[in-house]
Amino acid sequence: MTEIPEWAGRARVVMLGRAGCHLCEDAWRTIGAVADEVGASRAEVDLDGVDEADREEYWDKIPVTFVDGRRHDFWRVREDRLRSALGG
């Protein structure tokens, strides 16, 4: 997918995930810590709430992290990579 999904721009950091996903819970904690530290907005988007094309694209990659509307990482969030992407 080459287009940036509309929902990926809801905040500086957006995580696409799903309820009950332990990797998503871990990623959200890391995102929260780094975003709070550098003062970045964050939002969580549920995979079940996006269109079919995006579900097909990302279902096997969750959690998927977007920074400034562009895909940054999937499966895991590394603090150092996220902090660097946010300029912190």
Protein backbone atom coordinates (compact mmCIF):
# COMPACT_ATOMS: atom_id res chain seq x y z
CA MET A 1 0.00 0.00 0.00
CA THR A 2 1.51 3.31 -1.04
CA GLU A 3 -1.14 5.72 0.18
CA ILE A 4 -1.00 6.94 3.75
CA PRO A 5 -4.22 5.94 5.53
CA GLU A 6 -6.31 8.87 6.80
CA TRP A 7 -6.34 7.44 10.32
CA ALA A 8 -2.50 7.33 10.43
CA GLY A 9 -2.44 11.11 10.81
CA ARG A 10 -4.66 11.36 13.89
CA ALA A 11 -1.66 12.12 16.12
CA ARG A 12 2.12 12.39 15.91
CA VAL A 13 2.36 8.71 16.88
CA VAL A 14 -0.43 6.31 15.91
CA MET A 15 -0.56 2.65 16.80
CA LEU A 16 -2.79 0.27 14.86
CA GLY A 17 -3.65 -2.66 17.07
CA ARG A 18 -6.38 -4.87 18.40
CA ALA A 19 -7.92 -5.55 21.80
CA GLY A 20 -6.41 -8.56 23.56
CA CYS A 21 -3.13 -8.36 21.64
CA HIS A 22 -0.27 -8.64 24.15
CA LEU A 23 2.24 -7.17 21.71
CA CYS A 24 -0.10 -4.19 21.27
CA GLU A 25 -0.28 -3.67 25.02
CA ASP A 26 3.53 -3.73 25.28
CA ALA A 27 3.89 -1.36 22.33
CA TRP A 28 1.31 1.07 23.73
CA ARG A 29 3.20 1.28 27.05
CA THR A 30 6.44 2.05 25.21
CA ILE A 31 4.73 4.59 22.95
CA GLY A 32 3.17 6.25 25.98
CA ALA A 33 6.47 6.56 27.83
CA VAL A 34 8.36 7.98 24.85
CA ALA A 35 5.54 10.24 23.64
CA ASP A 36 5.07 11.68 27.12
CA GLU A 37 8.82 12.23 27.45
CA VAL A 38 9.12 14.19 24.19
CA GLY A 39 5.67 15.82 24.30
CA ALA A 40 4.25 14.02 21.24
CA SER A 41 0.57 13.31 20.74
CA ARG A 42 -0.48 9.69 20.39
CA ALA A 43 -3.54 7.77 19.31
CA GLU A 44 -4.56 4.14 19.14
CA VAL A 45 -6.59 2.83 16.19
CA ASP A 46 -8.39 -0.53 16.33
CA LEU A 47 -7.73 -2.79 13.36
CA ASP A 48 -11.42 -3.71 13.28
CA GLY A 49 -12.31 -0.05 12.69
CA VAL A 50 -10.31 0.50 9.49
CA ASP A 51 -11.33 -0.31 5.94
CA GLU A 52 -10.90 -3.75 4.39
CA ALA A 53 -7.82 -2.81 2.35
CA ASP A 54 -5.99 -1.59 5.46
CA ARG A 55 -7.06 -4.66 7.45
CA GLU A 56 -5.64 -6.88 4.71
CA GLU A 57 -2.42 -4.86 4.60
CA TYR A 58 -1.76 -4.78 8.35
CA TRP A 59 -3.58 -7.68 10.08
CA ASP A 60 -0.44 -9.84 10.32
CA LYS A 61 1.82 -6.95 11.37
CA ILE A 62 0.05 -5.54 14.44
CA PRO A 63 0.92 -3.58 16.32
CA VAL A 64 1.90 -1.19 13.54
CA THR A 65 3.34 2.17 14.54
CA PHE A 66 3.08 5.30 12.42
CA VAL A 67 5.06 8.48 13.04
CA ASP A 68 3.95 11.67 11.31
CA GLY A 69 1.57 9.64 9.16
CA ARG A 70 4.14 7.19 7.82
CA ARG A 71 4.66 3.58 8.85
CA HIS A 72 7.51 3.39 11.32
CA ASP A 73 7.56 -0.12 12.81
CA PHE A 74 5.54 -3.28 13.28
CA TRP A 75 5.31 -6.12 15.83
CA ARG A 76 7.45 -4.36 18.43
CA VAL A 77 8.34 -0.78 19.37
CA ARG A 78 11.91 0.01 20.29
CA GLU A 79 12.24 3.05 22.52
CA ASP A 80 15.44 4.26 20.90
CA ARG A 81 14.06 4.07 17.34
CA LEU A 82 10.83 5.82 18.32
CA ARG A 83 12.64 8.53 20.26
CA SER A 84 14.94 9.12 17.29
CA ALA A 85 12.01 9.32 14.86
CA LEU A 86 10.40 11.91 17.13
CA GLY A 87 13.60 13.94 17.31
CA GLY A 88 14.05 13.29 21.02
